[in-house]
Amino acid sequence: MILDTQDLDVFAMEPVTCRWVRAQLTVAQDLFTRCIVGMRVTPVSTKAVDVAGVLHEAVAGRTAQQSWPSQYFACQNPA
């Protein structure tokens, strides 16, 4: 698994101060299947708790909904 954080060309409004802040995307990718197994968008900068959330999503996985494309099912983590 590989983790990467990237600055996005997107701004978000902080609800408390109503100021525009930059957003970052943190992604976990499985090296064998090349599937994205976890991701999170965070305002300003990524913190340790955000990385922990991405890792949890990568390990625990998600339940695929029937409306999702069939390509997603090939990338699901085995239960």
Foldseek 3Di string as FASTA:
>chain_A
DDKDKDWDPDWDADPPPRDIFTKMKIWDADPPVRDTQFMDIDTHDDDPVRVVRRVCSNVVPDDDDPPDDPVVVVVTDDD
